[in-house]
Amino acid sequence: MRLHNNAANDSAEYAIVVRSDYKGRGLGWQLMQMMIAYGRKRGLRSIEGKVLHENKAMLDMCRQFGFEIAIDPKNASICDVRLAL
């Protein structure tokens, strides 16, 4: 899990990677909850990321957490995700 603040320190880009043999156990869900709670505690206004269009599990999880999802205008195989905190 990674959360990298922008220069203005008001938003951050996230990354979550779960090893293949640990997928489907809820680990990604727990990491996302921790990351969102940490972002709120740090006073961030939003968390953003880029997700491959084929990564249906991550996109579904983002929807459940309330992220806005849009196709990247420069690359249709990537979705931009954003959660306002």
PDB file of N, CA and C in Angstrom:
ATOM      1  N   MET A   1       0.856  -1.163   0.000  1.00  0.00           N
ATOM      2  CA  MET A   1       0.000   0.000   0.000  1.00  0.00           C
ATOM      3  C   MET A   1       0.904   1.229   0.000  1.00  0.00           C
ATOM      4  N   ARG A   2       0.506   2.223  -0.797  1.00  0.00           N
ATOM      5  CA  ARG A   2       1.270   3.469  -0.876  1.00  0.00           C
ATOM      6  C   ARG A   2       0.298   4.623  -1.027  1.00  0.00           C
ATOM      7  N   LEU A   3       0.593   5.721  -0.370  1.00  0.00           N
ATOM      8  CA  LEU A   3      -0.182   6.951  -0.496  1.00  0.00           C
ATOM      9  C   LEU A   3       0.826   8.086  -0.615  1.00  0.00           C
ATOM     10  N   HIS A   4       0.858   8.732  -1.800  1.00  0.00           N
ATOM     11  CA  HIS A   4       1.866   9.756  -2.078  1.00  0.00           C
ATOM     12  C   HIS A   4       1.192  11.111  -2.247  1.00  0.00           C
ATOM     13  N   ASN A   5       1.464  12.025  -1.313  1.00  0.00           N
ATOM     14  CA  ASN A   5       0.856  13.363  -1.341  1.00  0.00           C
ATOM     15  C   ASN A   5       1.380  14.184  -2.509  1.00  0.00           C
ATOM     16  N   ASN A   6       0.520  15.076  -3.037  1.00  0.00           N
ATOM     17  CA  ASN A   6       0.957  16.028  -4.056  1.00  0.00           C
ATOM     18  C   ASN A   6       1.696  17.180  -3.371  1.00  0.00           C
ATOM     19  N   ALA A   7       2.237  18.094  -4.168  1.00  0.00           N
ATOM     20  CA  ALA A   7       3.040  19.209  -3.627  1.00  0.00           C
ATOM     21  C   ALA A   7       2.224  20.115  -2.705  1.00  0.00           C
ATOM     22  N   ALA A   8       0.934  20.292  -3.009  1.00  0.00           N
ATOM     23  CA  ALA A   8       0.081  21.148  -2.181  1.00  0.00           C
ATOM     24  C   ALA A   8      -0.366  20.439  -0.904  1.00  0.00           C
ATOM     25  N   ASN A   9      -0.095  19.147  -0.819  1.00  0.00           N
ATOM     26  CA  ASN A   9      -0.444  18.351   0.353  1.00  0.00           C
ATOM     27  C   ASN A   9      -1.953  18.300   0.614  1.00  0.00           C
ATOM     28  N   ASP A  10      -2.761  18.402  -0.458  1.00  0.00           N
ATOM     29  CA  ASP A  10      -4.214  18.331  -0.275  1.00  0.00           C
ATOM     30  C   ASP A  10      -4.839  17.089  -0.907  1.00  0.00           C
ATOM     31  N   SER A  11      -4.081  16.393  -1.738  1.00  0.00           N
ATOM     32  CA  SER A  11      -4.555  15.127  -2.289  1.00  0.00           C
ATOM     33  C   SER A  11      -3.379  14.181  -2.410  1.00  0.00           C
ATOM     34  N   ALA A  12      -3.679  12.918  -2.659  1.00  0.00           N
ATOM     35  CA  ALA A  12      -2.615  11.922  -2.752  1.00  0.00           C
ATOM     36  C   ALA A  12      -3.002  10.839  -3.740  1.00  0.00           C
ATOM     37  N   GLU A  13      -2.000  10.276  -4.386  1.00  0.00           N
ATOM     38  CA  GLU A  13      -2.210   9.144  -5.279  1.00  0.00           C
ATOM     39  C   GLU A  13      -1.962   7.872  -4.478  1.00  0.00           C
ATOM     40  N   TYR A  14      -2.824   6.881  -4.695  1.00  0.00           N
ATOM     41  CA  TYR A  14      -2.692   5.642  -3.946  1.00  0.00           C
ATOM     42  C   TYR A  14      -2.275   4.492  -4.853  1.00  0.00           C
ATOM     43  N   ALA A  15      -1.743   3.464  -4.245  1.00  0.00           N
ATOM     44  CA  ALA A  15      -1.463   2.200  -4.927  1.00  0.00           C
ATOM     45  C   ALA A  15      -1.636   1.088  -3.916  1.00  0.00           C
ATOM     46  N   ILE A  16      -2.309   0.044  -4.329  1.00  0.00           N
ATOM     47  CA  ILE A  16      -2.466  -1.146  -3.496  1.00  0.00           C
ATOM     48  C   ILE A  16      -2.110  -2.350  -4.355  1.00  0.00           C
ATOM     49  N   VAL A  17      -1.241  -3.197  -3.849  1.00  0.00           N
ATOM     50  CA  VAL A  17      -0.873  -4.420  -4.543  1.00  0.00           C
ATOM     51  C   VAL A  17      -1.045  -5.571  -3.558  1.00  0.00           C
ATOM     52  N   VAL A  18      -1.757  -6.598  -4.001  1.00  0.00           N
ATOM     53  CA  VAL A  18      -1.951  -7.793  -3.182  1.00  0.00           C
ATOM     54  C   VAL A  18      -1.402  -8.980  -3.963  1.00  0.00           C
ATOM     55  N   ARG A  19      -0.565  -9.744  -3.335  1.00  0.00           N
ATOM     56  CA  ARG A  19       0.004 -10.932  -3.978  1.00  0.00           C
ATOM     57  C   ARG A  19      -1.103 -11.865  -4.444  1.00  0.00           C
ATOM     58  N   SER A  20      -0.907 -12.490  -5.584  1.00  0.00           N
ATOM     59  CA  SER A  20      -1.943 -13.331  -6.200  1.00  0.00           C
ATOM     60  C   SER A  20      -2.497 -14.386  -5.252  1.00  0.00           C
ATOM     61  N   ASP A  21      -1.647 -15.027  -4.484  1.00  0.00           N
ATOM     62  CA  ASP A  21      -2.120 -16.095  -3.601  1.00  0.00           C
ATOM     63  C   ASP A  21      -2.847 -15.561  -2.363  1.00  0.00           C
ATOM     64  N   TYR A  22      -2.901 -14.239  -2.181  1.00  0.00           N
ATOM     65  CA  TYR A  22      -3.649 -13.642  -1.077  1.00  0.00           C
ATOM     66  C   TYR A  22      -4.923 -12.943  -1.532  1.00  0.00           C
ATOM     67  N   LYS A  23      -5.169 -12.925  -2.839  1.00  0.00           N
ATOM     68  CA  LYS A  23      -6.370 -12.267  -3.359  1.00  0.00           C
ATOM     69  C   LYS A  23      -7.616 -13.034  -2.945  1.00  0.00           C
ATOM     70  N   GLY A  24      -8.713 -12.286  -2.782  1.00  0.00           N
ATOM     71  CA  GLY A  24      -9.985 -12.902  -2.406  1.00  0.00           C
ATOM     72  C   GLY A  24     -10.156 -13.136  -0.917  1.00  0.00           C
ATOM     73  N   ARG A  25      -9.263 -12.615  -0.107  1.00  0.00           N
ATOM     74  CA  ARG A  25      -9.330 -12.797   1.348  1.00  0.00           C
ATOM     75  C   ARG A  25      -9.711 -11.523   2.092  1.00  0.00           C
ATOM     76  N   GLY A  26      -9.972 -10.441   1.341  1.00  0.00           N
ATOM     77  CA  GLY A  26     -10.365  -9.192   1.982  1.00  0.00           C
ATOM     78  C   GLY A  26      -9.202  -8.293   2.364  1.00  0.00           C
ATOM     79  N   LEU A  27      -7.996  -8.675   1.995  1.00  0.00           N
ATOM     80  CA  LEU A  27      -6.831  -7.882   2.358  1.00  0.00           C
ATOM     81  C   LEU A  27      -6.847  -6.525   1.648  1.00  0.00           C
ATOM     82  N   GLY A  28      -7.181  -6.500   0.361  1.00  0.00           N
ATOM     83  CA  GLY A  28      -7.260  -5.239  -0.373  1.00  0.00           C
ATOM     84  C   GLY A  28      -8.281  -4.301   0.237  1.00  0.00           C
ATOM     85  N   TRP A  29      -9.410  -4.860   0.652  1.00  0.00           N
ATOM     86  CA  TRP A  29     -10.482  -4.079   1.296  1.00  0.00           C
ATOM     87  C   TRP A  29      -9.961  -3.437   2.581  1.00  0.00           C
ATOM     88  N   GLN A  30      -9.271  -4.216   3.401  1.00  0.00           N
ATOM     89  CA  GLN A  30      -8.733  -3.685   4.663  1.00  0.00           C
ATOM     90  C   GLN A  30      -7.684  -2.609   4.411  1.00  0.00           C
ATOM     91  N   LEU A  31      -6.815  -2.825   3.422  1.00  0.00           N
ATOM     92  CA  LEU A  31      -5.791  -1.830   3.100  1.00  0.00           C
ATOM     93  C   LEU A  31      -6.437  -0.533   2.618  1.00  0.00           C
ATOM     94  N   MET A  32      -7.491  -0.645   1.806  1.00  0.00           N
ATOM     95  CA  MET A  32      -8.190   0.543   1.316  1.00  0.00           C
ATOM     96  C   MET A  32      -8.825   1.307   2.485  1.00  0.00           C
ATOM     97  N   GLN A  33      -9.453   0.608   3.414  1.00  0.00           N
ATOM     98  CA  GLN A  33     -10.044   1.259   4.596  1.00  0.00           C
ATOM     99  C   GLN A  33      -8.980   1.997   5.394  1.00  0.00           C
ATOM    100  N   MET A  34      -7.831   1.353   5.600  1.00  0.00           N
ATOM    101  CA  MET A  34      -6.745   1.973   6.352  1.00  0.00           C
ATOM    102  C   MET A  34      -6.220   3.214   5.628  1.00  0.00           C
ATOM    103  N   MET A  35      -6.081   3.108   4.318  1.00  0.00           N
ATOM    104  CA  MET A  35      -5.563   4.212   3.532  1.00  0.00           C
ATOM    105  C   MET A  35      -6.510   5.415   3.567  1.00  0.00           C
ATOM    106  N   ILE A  36      -7.803   5.168   3.436  1.00  0.00           N
ATOM    107  CA  ILE A  36      -8.788   6.248   3.487  1.00  0.00           C
ATOM    108  C   ILE A  36      -8.788   6.906   4.869  1.00  0.00           C
ATOM    109  N   ALA A  37      -8.757   6.103   5.920  1.00  0.00           N
ATOM    110  CA  ALA A  37      -8.728   6.651   7.279  1.00  0.00           C
ATOM    111  C   ALA A  37      -7.469   7.486   7.497  1.00  0.00           C
ATOM    112  N   TYR A  38      -6.344   7.012   7.001  1.00  0.00           N
ATOM    113  CA  TYR A  38      -5.086   7.760   7.133  1.00  0.00           C
ATOM    114  C   TYR A  38      -5.163   9.080   6.367  1.00  0.00           C
ATOM    115  N   GLY A  39      -5.709   9.046   5.152  1.00  0.00           N
ATOM    116  CA  GLY A  39      -5.857  10.263   4.356  1.00  0.00           C
ATOM    117  C   GLY A  39      -6.720  11.293   5.053  1.00  0.00           C
ATOM    118  N   ARG A  40      -7.798  10.844   5.655  1.00  0.00           N
ATOM    119  CA  ARG A  40      -8.674  11.771   6.397  1.00  0.00           C
ATOM    120  C   ARG A  40      -7.939  12.351   7.601  1.00  0.00           C
ATOM    121  N   LYS A  41      -7.225  11.503   8.303  1.00  0.00           N
ATOM    122  CA  LYS A  41      -6.479  11.958   9.482  1.00  0.00           C
ATOM    123  C   LYS A  41      -5.429  13.001   9.100  1.00  0.00           C
ATOM    124  N   ARG A  42      -4.822  12.838   7.928  1.00  0.00           N
ATOM    125  CA  ARG A  42      -3.806  13.779   7.443  1.00  0.00           C
ATOM    126  C   ARG A  42      -4.418  15.047   6.854  1.00  0.00           C
ATOM    127  N   GLY A  43      -5.740  15.106   6.737  1.00  0.00           N
ATOM    128  CA  GLY A  43      -6.412  16.294   6.233  1.00  0.00           C
ATOM    129  C   GLY A  43      -6.445  16.406   4.715  1.00  0.00           C
ATOM    130  N   LEU A  44      -6.276  15.280   4.019  1.00  0.00           N
ATOM    131  CA  LEU A  44      -6.334  15.308   2.564  1.00  0.00           C
ATOM    132  C   LEU A  44      -7.757  15.586   2.101  1.00  0.00           C
ATOM    133  N   ARG A  45      -7.876  16.232   0.953  1.00  0.00           N
ATOM    134  CA  ARG A  45      -9.196  16.492   0.370  1.00  0.00           C
ATOM    135  C   ARG A  45      -9.644  15.368  -0.546  1.00  0.00           C
ATOM    136  N   SER A  46      -8.669  14.648  -1.125  1.00  0.00           N
ATOM    137  CA  SER A  46      -9.026  13.549  -2.024  1.00  0.00           C
ATOM    138  C   SER A  46      -7.899  12.531  -2.134  1.00  0.00           C
ATOM    139  N   ILE A  47      -8.293  11.339  -2.562  1.00  0.00           N
ATOM    140  CA  ILE A  47      -7.365  10.262  -2.888  1.00  0.00           C
ATOM    141  C   ILE A  47      -7.658   9.879  -4.335  1.00  0.00           C
ATOM    142  N   GLU A  48      -6.596   9.722  -5.119  1.00  0.00           N
ATOM    143  CA  GLU A  48      -6.757   9.462  -6.548  1.00  0.00           C
ATOM    144  C   GLU A  48      -5.875   8.298  -6.969  1.00  0.00           C
ATOM    145  N   GLY A  49      -6.245   7.690  -8.085  1.00  0.00           N
ATOM    146  CA  GLY A  49      -5.422   6.611  -8.610  1.00  0.00           C
ATOM    147  C   GLY A  49      -5.765   6.291 -10.043  1.00  0.00           C
ATOM    148  N   LYS A  50      -4.978   5.421 -10.616  1.00  0.00           N
ATOM    149  CA  LYS A  50      -5.198   4.925 -11.968  1.00  0.00           C
ATOM    150  C   LYS A  50      -5.336   3.411 -11.863  1.00  0.00           C
ATOM    151  N   VAL A  51      -6.386   2.885 -12.497  1.00  0.00           N
ATOM    152  CA  VAL A  51      -6.688   1.457 -12.418  1.00  0.00           C
ATOM    153  C   VAL A  51      -6.888   0.936 -13.836  1.00  0.00           C
ATOM    154  N   LEU A  52      -6.269  -0.193 -14.143  1.00  0.00           N
ATOM    155  CA  LEU A  52      -6.491  -0.797 -15.449  1.00  0.00           C
ATOM    156  C   LEU A  52      -7.971  -1.129 -15.628  1.00  0.00           C
ATOM    157  N   HIS A  53      -8.489  -0.852 -16.793  1.00  0.00           N
ATOM    158  CA  HIS A  53      -9.904  -1.102 -17.093  1.00  0.00           C
ATOM    159  C   HIS A  53     -10.267  -2.564 -16.860  1.00  0.00           C
ATOM    160  N   GLU A  54      -9.325  -3.466 -17.057  1.00  0.00           N
ATOM    161  CA  GLU A  54      -9.573  -4.901 -16.892  1.00  0.00           C
ATOM    162  C   GLU A  54      -9.566  -5.353 -15.425  1.00  0.00           C
ATOM    163  N   ASN A  55      -9.130  -4.482 -14.519  1.00  0.00           N
ATOM    164  CA  ASN A  55      -9.064  -4.835 -13.095  1.00  0.00           C
ATOM    165  C   ASN A  55     -10.438  -4.603 -12.458  1.00  0.00           C
ATOM    166  N   LYS A  56     -11.367  -5.477 -12.794  1.00  0.00           N
ATOM    167  CA  LYS A  56     -12.762  -5.332 -12.351  1.00  0.00           C
ATOM    168  C   LYS A  56     -12.887  -5.380 -10.830  1.00  0.00           C
ATOM    169  N   ALA A  57     -12.063  -6.185 -10.172  1.00  0.00           N
ATOM    170  CA  ALA A  57     -12.141  -6.293  -8.710  1.00  0.00           C
ATOM    171  C   ALA A  57     -11.810  -4.951  -8.044  1.00  0.00           C
ATOM    172  N   MET A  58     -10.747  -4.290  -8.504  1.00  0.00           N
ATOM    173  CA  MET A  58     -10.369  -2.993  -7.913  1.00  0.00           C
ATOM    174  C   MET A  58     -11.410  -1.930  -8.246  1.00  0.00           C
ATOM    175  N   LEU A  59     -11.907  -1.923  -9.471  1.00  0.00           N
ATOM    176  CA  LEU A  59     -12.926  -0.938  -9.840  1.00  0.00           C
ATOM    177  C   LEU A  59     -14.200  -1.139  -9.042  1.00  0.00           C
ATOM    178  N   ASP A  60     -14.580  -2.392  -8.804  1.00  0.00           N
ATOM    179  CA  ASP A  60     -15.769  -2.673  -7.996  1.00  0.00           C
ATOM    180  C   ASP A  60     -15.560  -2.203  -6.560  1.00  0.00           C
ATOM    181  N   MET A  61     -14.371  -2.458  -6.015  1.00  0.00           N
ATOM    182  CA  MET A  61     -14.076  -2.010  -4.657  1.00  0.00           C
ATOM    183  C   MET A  61     -14.108  -0.488  -4.587  1.00  0.00           C
ATOM    184  N   CYS A  62     -13.549   0.186  -5.584  1.00  0.00           N
ATOM    185  CA  CYS A  62     -13.571   1.650  -5.612  1.00  0.00           C
ATOM    186  C   CYS A  62     -15.014   2.157  -5.620  1.00  0.00           C
ATOM    187  N   ARG A  63     -15.870   1.533  -6.420  1.00  0.00           N
ATOM    188  CA  ARG A  63     -17.291   1.931  -6.447  1.00  0.00           C
ATOM    189  C   ARG A  63     -17.925   1.788  -5.066  1.00  0.00           C
ATOM    190  N   GLN A  64     -17.641   0.687  -4.398  1.00  0.00           N
ATOM    191  CA  GLN A  64     -18.220   0.436  -3.078  1.00  0.00           C
ATOM    192  C   GLN A  64     -17.755   1.460  -2.047  1.00  0.00           C
ATOM    193  N   PHE A  65     -16.552   1.970  -2.208  1.00  0.00           N
ATOM    194  CA  PHE A  65     -16.037   2.992  -1.297  1.00  0.00           C
ATOM    195  C   PHE A  65     -16.466   4.395  -1.695  1.00  0.00           C
ATOM    196  N   GLY A  66     -17.117   4.542  -2.853  1.00  0.00           N
ATOM    197  CA  GLY A  66     -17.628   5.840  -3.261  1.00  0.00           C
ATOM    198  C   GLY A  66     -16.717   6.630  -4.188  1.00  0.00           C
ATOM    199  N   PHE A  67     -15.709   5.999  -4.759  1.00  0.00           N
ATOM    200  CA  PHE A  67     -14.826   6.680  -5.698  1.00  0.00           C
ATOM    201  C   PHE A  67     -15.594   7.051  -6.960  1.00  0.00           C
ATOM    202  N   GLU A  68     -15.269   8.198  -7.541  1.00  0.00           N
ATOM    203  CA  GLU A  68     -15.734   8.559  -8.880  1.00  0.00           C
ATOM    204  C   GLU A  68     -14.803   7.851  -9.859  1.00  0.00           C
ATOM    205  N   ILE A  69     -15.371   7.286 -10.919  1.00  0.00           N
ATOM    206  CA  ILE A  69     -14.570   6.541 -11.884  1.00  0.00           C
ATOM    207  C   ILE A  69     -14.815   7.104 -13.275  1.00  0.00           C
ATOM    208  N   ALA A  70     -13.737   7.388 -13.995  1.00  0.00           N
ATOM    209  CA  ALA A  70     -13.825   7.910 -15.356  1.00  0.00           C
ATOM    210  C   ALA A  70     -12.710   7.293 -16.192  1.00  0.00           C
ATOM    211  N   ILE A  71     -12.960   7.126 -17.465  1.00  0.00           N
ATOM    212  CA  ILE A  71     -11.934   6.612 -18.365  1.00  0.00           C
ATOM    213  C   ILE A  71     -10.901   7.712 -18.608  1.00  0.00           C
ATOM    214  N   ASP A  72      -9.632   7.350 -18.538  1.00  0.00           N
ATOM    215  CA  ASP A  72      -8.540   8.292 -18.781  1.00  0.00           C
ATOM    216  C   ASP A  72      -8.636   8.783 -20.221  1.00  0.00           C
ATOM    217  N   PRO A  73      -8.711  10.100 -20.441  1.00  0.00           N
ATOM    218  CA  PRO A  73      -8.856  10.626 -21.803  1.00  0.00           C
ATOM    219  C   PRO A  73      -7.660  10.335 -22.705  1.00  0.00           C
ATOM    220  N   LYS A  74      -6.510  10.029 -22.116  1.00  0.00           N
ATOM    221  CA  LYS A  74      -5.308   9.743 -22.902  1.00  0.00           C
ATOM    222  C   LYS A  74      -5.120   8.254 -23.188  1.00  0.00           C
ATOM    223  N   ASN A  75      -5.812   7.402 -22.408  1.00  0.00           N
ATOM    224  CA  ASN A  75      -5.621   5.958 -22.555  1.00  0.00           C
ATOM    225  C   ASN A  75      -6.891   5.247 -22.107  1.00  0.00           C
ATOM    226  N   ALA A  76      -7.653   4.714 -23.045  1.00  0.00           N
ATOM    227  CA  ALA A  76      -8.946   4.084 -22.743  1.00  0.00           C
ATOM    228  C   ALA A  76      -8.819   2.791 -21.950  1.00  0.00           C
ATOM    229  N   SER A  77      -7.617   2.256 -21.820  1.00  0.00           N
ATOM    230  CA  SER A  77      -7.450   1.025 -21.041  1.00  0.00           C
ATOM    231  C   SER A  77      -7.224   1.313 -19.561  1.00  0.00           C
ATOM    232  N   ILE A  78      -7.251   2.601 -19.184  1.00  0.00           N
ATOM    233  CA  ILE A  78      -7.023   3.007 -17.792  1.00  0.00           C
ATOM    234  C   ILE A  78      -8.201   3.835 -17.310  1.00  0.00           C
ATOM    235  N   CYS A  79      -8.582   3.605 -16.068  1.00  0.00           N
ATOM    236  CA  CYS A  79      -9.624   4.415 -15.429  1.00  0.00           C
ATOM    237  C   CYS A  79      -8.980   5.302 -14.370  1.00  0.00           C
ATOM    238  N   ASP A  80      -9.399   6.548 -14.326  1.00  0.00           N
ATOM    239  CA  ASP A  80      -9.007   7.461 -13.255  1.00  0.00           C
ATOM    240  C   ASP A  80     -10.043   7.322 -12.150  1.00  0.00           C
ATOM    241  N   VAL A  81      -9.593   7.114 -10.928  1.00  0.00           N
ATOM    242  CA  VAL A  81     -10.513   6.995  -9.789  1.00  0.00           C
ATOM    243  C   VAL A  81     -10.182   8.084  -8.786  1.00  0.00           C
ATOM    244  N   ARG A  82     -11.225   8.627  -8.165  1.00  0.00           N
ATOM    245  CA  ARG A  82     -11.039   9.730  -7.208  1.00  0.00           C
ATOM    246  C   ARG A  82     -12.074   9.635  -6.108  1.00  0.00           C
ATOM    247  N   LEU A  83     -11.609   9.751  -4.874  1.00  0.00           N
ATOM    248  CA  LEU A  83     -12.499   9.774  -3.721  1.00  0.00           C
ATOM    249  C   LEU A  83     -12.326  11.097  -3.000  1.00  0.00           C
ATOM    250  N   ALA A  84     -13.398  11.880  -2.940  1.00  0.00           N
ATOM    251  CA  ALA A  84     -13.376  13.120  -2.175  1.00  0.00           C
ATOM    252  C   ALA A  84     -13.483  12.766  -0.702  1.00  0.00           C
ATOM    253  N   LEU A  85     -12.600  13.325   0.110  1.00  0.00           N
ATOM    254  CA  LEU A  85     -12.626  13.076   1.544  1.00  0.00           C
ATOM    255  C   LEU A  85     -13.259  14.256   2.222  1.00  0.00           C
TER     256      LEU A  85
END
